[in-house]
Amino acid sequence: MNLFSKDMIWILLGAALVLLLWRRFTASRNKAMSGAMDVIQDDARAASDPVTGNKVDPTHAITAIFEGKTFFFESESSRTVFQQNPAKFAHQHHGHHGSC
């Protein structure tokens, strides 16, 4: 084997290693980004007006903050009802599970 062939083998092995590491890095980064987007989407699907119980799109909802938590409302009148007695709505039990 001449010198060029030996160098070419090392170059190809190095390139393969770099490619492998790059794919591993981008896969873990994409997985992390995907997980973050899943959380955001889950939050968006889970948002509901605490007064009416209707689903609310958080990107277009009216909001109020109580005890450090953001609540989403479908209308200004719903937020007004909430603000008159926020503890009544913020601490109520949810019907989908009994451990709240």
N, C-alpha and C. Protein backbone atom coordinates (compact mmCIF):
# COMPACT_ATOMS: atom_id res chain seq x y z
N MET A 1 0.85 -1.17 0.00
CA MET A 1 0.00 0.00 0.00
C MET A 1 0.89 1.24 0.00
N ASN A 2 0.58 2.15 -0.87
CA ASN A 2 1.40 3.35 -0.89
C ASN A 2 0.91 4.36 0.15
N LEU A 3 1.64 5.44 0.31
CA LEU A 3 1.37 6.45 1.32
C LEU A 3 -0.01 7.10 1.11
N PHE A 4 -0.39 7.33 -0.14
CA PHE A 4 -1.68 7.95 -0.44
C PHE A 4 -2.83 7.07 0.03
N SER A 5 -2.74 5.77 -0.16
CA SER A 5 -3.79 4.84 0.25
C SER A 5 -3.95 4.83 1.77
N LYS A 6 -2.86 4.85 2.50
CA LYS A 6 -2.91 4.86 3.97
C LYS A 6 -3.55 6.16 4.47
N ASP A 7 -3.15 7.27 3.89
CA ASP A 7 -3.72 8.56 4.28
C ASP A 7 -5.21 8.61 3.96
N MET A 8 -5.58 8.06 2.82
CA MET A 8 -6.99 8.08 2.42
C MET A 8 -7.83 7.26 3.37
N ILE A 9 -7.32 6.14 3.86
CA ILE A 9 -8.06 5.32 4.83
C ILE A 9 -8.30 6.12 6.11
N TRP A 10 -7.27 6.81 6.59
CA TRP A 10 -7.42 7.62 7.82
C TRP A 10 -8.40 8.78 7.60
N ILE A 11 -8.34 9.38 6.43
CA ILE A 11 -9.27 10.47 6.11
C ILE A 11 -10.71 9.95 6.09
N LEU A 12 -10.92 8.79 5.45
CA LEU A 12 -12.27 8.22 5.40
C LEU A 12 -12.76 7.80 6.77
N LEU A 13 -11.89 7.21 7.59
CA LEU A 13 -12.28 6.85 8.95
C LEU A 13 -12.62 8.09 9.78
N GLY A 14 -11.82 9.13 9.64
CA GLY A 14 -12.10 10.39 10.35
C GLY A 14 -13.42 11.01 9.90
N ALA A 15 -13.66 11.00 8.60
CA ALA A 15 -14.91 11.55 8.07
C ALA A 15 -16.12 10.74 8.57
N ALA A 16 -15.96 9.42 8.62
CA ALA A 16 -17.05 8.57 9.11
C ALA A 16 -17.32 8.87 10.58
N LEU A 17 -16.27 9.05 11.36
CA LEU A 17 -16.43 9.37 12.78
C LEU A 17 -17.12 10.72 12.97
N VAL A 18 -16.69 11.71 12.21
CA VAL A 18 -17.32 13.04 12.29
C VAL A 18 -18.80 12.94 11.90
N LEU A 19 -19.10 12.21 10.86
CA LEU A 19 -20.50 12.04 10.43
C LEU A 19 -21.32 11.35 11.50
N LEU A 20 -20.78 10.32 12.10
CA LEU A 20 -21.47 9.60 13.16
C LEU A 20 -21.74 10.52 14.35
N LEU A 21 -20.73 11.25 14.78
CA LEU A 21 -20.91 12.18 15.90
C LEU A 21 -21.91 13.28 15.55
N TRP A 22 -21.88 13.79 14.34
CA TRP A 22 -22.80 14.85 13.93
C TRP A 22 -24.25 14.33 13.94
N ARG A 23 -24.46 13.13 13.43
CA ARG A 23 -25.81 12.56 13.42
C ARG A 23 -26.31 12.34 14.84
N ARG A 24 -25.42 11.90 15.72
CA ARG A 24 -25.81 11.67 17.11
C ARG A 24 -26.16 12.99 17.80
N PHE A 25 -25.36 14.03 17.55
CA PHE A 25 -25.61 15.35 18.12
C PHE A 25 -26.94 15.91 17.63
N THR A 26 -27.17 15.87 16.33
CA THR A 26 -28.41 16.45 15.79
C THR A 26 -29.62 15.64 16.21
N ALA A 27 -29.47 14.32 16.34
CA ALA A 27 -30.60 13.49 16.78
C ALA A 27 -31.00 13.83 18.21
N SER A 28 -30.01 13.99 19.10
CA SER A 28 -30.35 14.34 20.48
C SER A 28 -30.91 15.74 20.58
N ARG A 29 -30.40 16.66 19.77
CA ARG A 29 -30.92 18.02 19.77
C ARG A 29 -32.36 18.05 19.23
N ASN A 30 -32.61 17.32 18.17
CA ASN A 30 -33.96 17.26 17.60
C ASN A 30 -34.93 16.61 18.57
N LYS A 31 -34.46 15.59 19.30
CA LYS A 31 -35.32 14.93 20.28
C LYS A 31 -35.68 15.89 21.40
N ALA A 32 -34.70 16.68 21.86
CA ALA A 32 -34.96 17.66 22.92
C ALA A 32 -35.94 18.72 22.43
N MET A 33 -35.75 19.19 21.21
CA MET A 33 -36.66 20.20 20.65
C MET A 33 -38.06 19.62 20.48
N SER A 34 -38.13 18.39 20.05
CA SER A 34 -39.42 17.73 19.89
C SER A 34 -40.13 17.59 21.23
N GLY A 35 -39.38 17.23 22.26
CA GLY A 35 -39.96 17.11 23.60
C GLY A 35 -40.48 18.44 24.11
N ALA A 36 -39.74 19.51 23.85
CA ALA A 36 -40.19 20.84 24.27
C ALA A 36 -41.46 21.23 23.53
N MET A 37 -41.54 20.92 22.24
CA MET A 37 -42.74 21.24 21.48
C MET A 37 -43.93 20.41 21.95
N ASP A 38 -43.69 19.16 22.34
CA ASP A 38 -44.77 18.33 22.86
C ASP A 38 -45.35 18.94 24.13
N VAL A 39 -44.49 19.46 24.99
CA VAL A 39 -44.95 20.10 26.23
C VAL A 39 -45.79 21.31 25.90
N ILE A 40 -45.32 22.12 24.98
CA ILE A 40 -46.07 23.32 24.59
C ILE A 40 -47.41 22.92 24.00
N GLN A 41 -47.44 21.92 23.12
CA GLN A 41 -48.68 21.49 22.51
C GLN A 41 -49.61 20.87 23.54
N ASP A 42 -49.07 20.10 24.49
CA ASP A 42 -49.90 19.52 25.54
C ASP A 42 -50.53 20.62 26.39
N ASP A 43 -49.75 21.66 26.71
CA ASP A 43 -50.29 22.78 27.48
C ASP A 43 -51.41 23.46 26.70
N ALA A 44 -51.21 23.60 25.40
CA ALA A 44 -52.23 24.25 24.58
C ALA A 44 -53.51 23.43 24.54
N ARG A 45 -53.37 22.11 24.45
CA ARG A 45 -54.56 21.27 24.42
C ARG A 45 -55.24 21.20 25.78
N ALA A 46 -54.45 21.33 26.85
CA ALA A 46 -54.99 21.17 28.19
C ALA A 46 -55.66 22.44 28.71
N ALA A 47 -55.44 23.58 28.07
CA ALA A 47 -55.98 24.84 28.58
C ALA A 47 -57.50 24.86 28.47
N SER A 48 -58.12 25.23 29.57
CA SER A 48 -59.57 25.40 29.55
C SER A 48 -59.96 26.56 30.45
N ASP A 49 -61.06 27.18 30.12
CA ASP A 49 -61.58 28.30 30.89
C ASP A 49 -62.05 27.76 32.24
N PRO A 50 -61.49 28.24 33.38
CA PRO A 50 -61.88 27.69 34.68
C PRO A 50 -63.32 28.01 35.07
N VAL A 51 -63.91 29.02 34.46
CA VAL A 51 -65.29 29.41 34.79
C VAL A 51 -66.28 28.55 34.02
N THR A 52 -66.07 28.43 32.70
CA THR A 52 -67.03 27.69 31.86
C THR A 52 -66.64 26.24 31.63
N GLY A 53 -65.34 25.94 31.75
CA GLY A 53 -64.86 24.59 31.48
C GLY A 53 -64.59 24.33 30.01
N ASN A 54 -64.84 25.30 29.14
CA ASN A 54 -64.62 25.13 27.71
C ASN A 54 -63.14 25.18 27.37
N LYS A 55 -62.74 24.44 26.33
CA LYS A 55 -61.36 24.48 25.86
C LYS A 55 -61.05 25.87 25.33
N VAL A 56 -59.80 26.29 25.56
CA VAL A 56 -59.38 27.62 25.15
C VAL A 56 -58.04 27.51 24.44
N ASP A 57 -57.87 28.24 23.35
CA ASP A 57 -56.59 28.32 22.65
C ASP A 57 -55.75 29.37 23.37
N PRO A 58 -54.69 28.97 24.08
CA PRO A 58 -53.91 29.92 24.87
C PRO A 58 -53.28 31.05 24.05
N THR A 59 -53.06 30.82 22.76
CA THR A 59 -52.45 31.87 21.95
C THR A 59 -53.39 33.03 21.69
N HIS A 60 -54.70 32.80 21.83
CA HIS A 60 -55.68 33.86 21.57
C HIS A 60 -56.57 34.15 22.78
N ALA A 61 -56.26 33.55 23.91
CA ALA A 61 -57.14 33.67 25.08
C ALA A 61 -56.86 34.93 25.89
N ILE A 62 -57.84 35.32 26.66
CA ILE A 62 -57.70 36.39 27.65
C ILE A 62 -57.12 35.72 28.89
N THR A 63 -56.20 36.39 29.57
CA THR A 63 -55.52 35.75 30.69
C THR A 63 -55.66 36.53 31.98
N ALA A 64 -55.42 35.83 33.08
CA ALA A 64 -55.32 36.41 34.41
C ALA A 64 -54.34 35.55 35.19
N ILE A 65 -53.61 36.17 36.09
CA ILE A 65 -52.65 35.44 36.91
C ILE A 65 -53.14 35.46 38.35
N PHE A 66 -53.14 34.27 38.96
CA PHE A 66 -53.53 34.12 40.36
C PHE A 66 -52.58 33.14 41.02
N GLU A 67 -51.98 33.54 42.11
CA GLU A 67 -51.01 32.73 42.84
C GLU A 67 -49.90 32.21 41.93
N GLY A 68 -49.45 33.06 41.02
CA GLY A 68 -48.34 32.71 40.13
C GLY A 68 -48.70 31.82 38.96
N LYS A 69 -49.96 31.47 38.81
CA LYS A 69 -50.39 30.60 37.71
C LYS A 69 -51.23 31.40 36.73
N THR A 70 -51.01 31.16 35.45
CA THR A 70 -51.79 31.84 34.41
C THR A 70 -53.04 31.04 34.10
N PHE A 71 -54.17 31.72 34.08
CA PHE A 71 -55.45 31.12 33.73
C PHE A 71 -55.91 31.72 32.41
N PHE A 72 -56.54 30.90 31.58
CA PHE A 72 -56.98 31.30 30.25
C PHE A 72 -58.50 31.35 30.20
N PHE A 73 -59.02 32.38 29.53
CA PHE A 73 -60.47 32.59 29.46
C PHE A 73 -60.91 32.80 28.02
N GLU A 74 -62.14 32.35 27.75
CA GLU A 74 -62.68 32.50 26.41
C GLU A 74 -63.31 33.86 26.19
N SER A 75 -63.62 34.59 27.28
CA SER A 75 -64.23 35.91 27.13
C SER A 75 -63.87 36.80 28.31
N GLU A 76 -64.04 38.08 28.11
CA GLU A 76 -63.78 39.05 29.17
C GLU A 76 -64.75 38.85 30.33
N SER A 77 -66.00 38.49 30.05
CA SER A 77 -66.97 38.28 31.12
C SER A 77 -66.58 37.07 31.98
N SER A 78 -66.01 36.06 31.36
CA SER A 78 -65.55 34.90 32.11
C SER A 78 -64.40 35.29 33.04
N ARG A 79 -63.48 36.11 32.54
CA ARG A 79 -62.38 36.56 33.39
C ARG A 79 -62.89 37.43 34.54
N THR A 80 -63.91 38.24 34.30
CA THR A 80 -64.48 39.08 35.34
C THR A 80 -65.08 38.23 36.46
N VAL A 81 -65.80 37.19 36.09
CA VAL A 81 -66.37 36.28 37.09
C VAL A 81 -65.25 35.64 37.90
N PHE A 82 -64.19 35.20 37.23
CA PHE A 82 -63.04 34.60 37.91
C PHE A 82 -62.42 35.59 38.90
N GLN A 83 -62.22 36.83 38.48
CA GLN A 83 -61.54 37.81 39.31
C GLN A 83 -62.35 38.22 40.54
N GLN A 84 -63.64 37.99 40.52
CA GLN A 84 -64.46 38.29 41.69
C GLN A 84 -64.18 37.31 42.83
N ASN A 85 -63.83 36.06 42.51
CA ASN A 85 -63.50 35.06 43.53
C ASN A 85 -62.55 34.03 42.90
N PRO A 86 -61.28 34.40 42.68
CA PRO A 86 -60.37 33.50 41.97
C PRO A 86 -60.10 32.19 42.70
N ALA A 87 -60.09 32.21 44.03
CA ALA A 87 -59.81 30.98 44.77
C ALA A 87 -60.87 29.91 44.51
N LYS A 88 -62.11 30.33 44.28
CA LYS A 88 -63.19 29.39 44.00
C LYS A 88 -62.88 28.57 42.75
N PHE A 89 -62.32 29.20 41.74
CA PHE A 89 -62.05 28.53 40.47
C PHE A 89 -60.65 27.92 40.40
N ALA A 90 -59.70 28.55 41.06
CA ALA A 90 -58.31 28.09 41.00
C ALA A 90 -58.09 26.79 41.76
N HIS A 91 -58.87 26.56 42.81
CA HIS A 91 -58.63 25.40 43.67
C HIS A 91 -59.73 24.33 43.56
N GLN A 92 -60.59 24.44 42.56
CA GLN A 92 -61.64 23.44 42.43
C GLN A 92 -61.05 22.15 41.89
N HIS A 93 -61.67 21.03 42.22
CA HIS A 93 -61.20 19.72 41.78
C HIS A 93 -61.65 19.49 40.35
N HIS A 94 -60.82 18.79 39.61
CA HIS A 94 -61.14 18.47 38.23
C HIS A 94 -61.88 17.14 38.18
N GLY A 95 -62.76 17.00 37.23
CA GLY A 95 -63.56 15.79 37.13
C GLY A 95 -62.84 14.61 36.53
N HIS A 96 -61.69 14.84 35.85
CA HIS A 96 -61.05 13.74 35.14
C HIS A 96 -60.19 12.86 36.04
N HIS A 97 -59.89 13.26 37.26
CA HIS A 97 -59.19 12.39 38.21
C HIS A 97 -59.47 12.89 39.62
N GLY A 98 -59.35 12.01 40.56
CA GLY A 98 -59.77 12.35 41.91
C GLY A 98 -58.65 12.75 42.86
N SER A 99 -57.42 12.83 42.38
CA SER A 99 -56.31 13.09 43.31
C SER A 99 -55.88 14.55 43.33
N CYS A 100 -56.61 15.45 42.71
CA CYS A 100 -56.23 16.87 42.70
C CYS A 100 -56.38 17.49 44.06
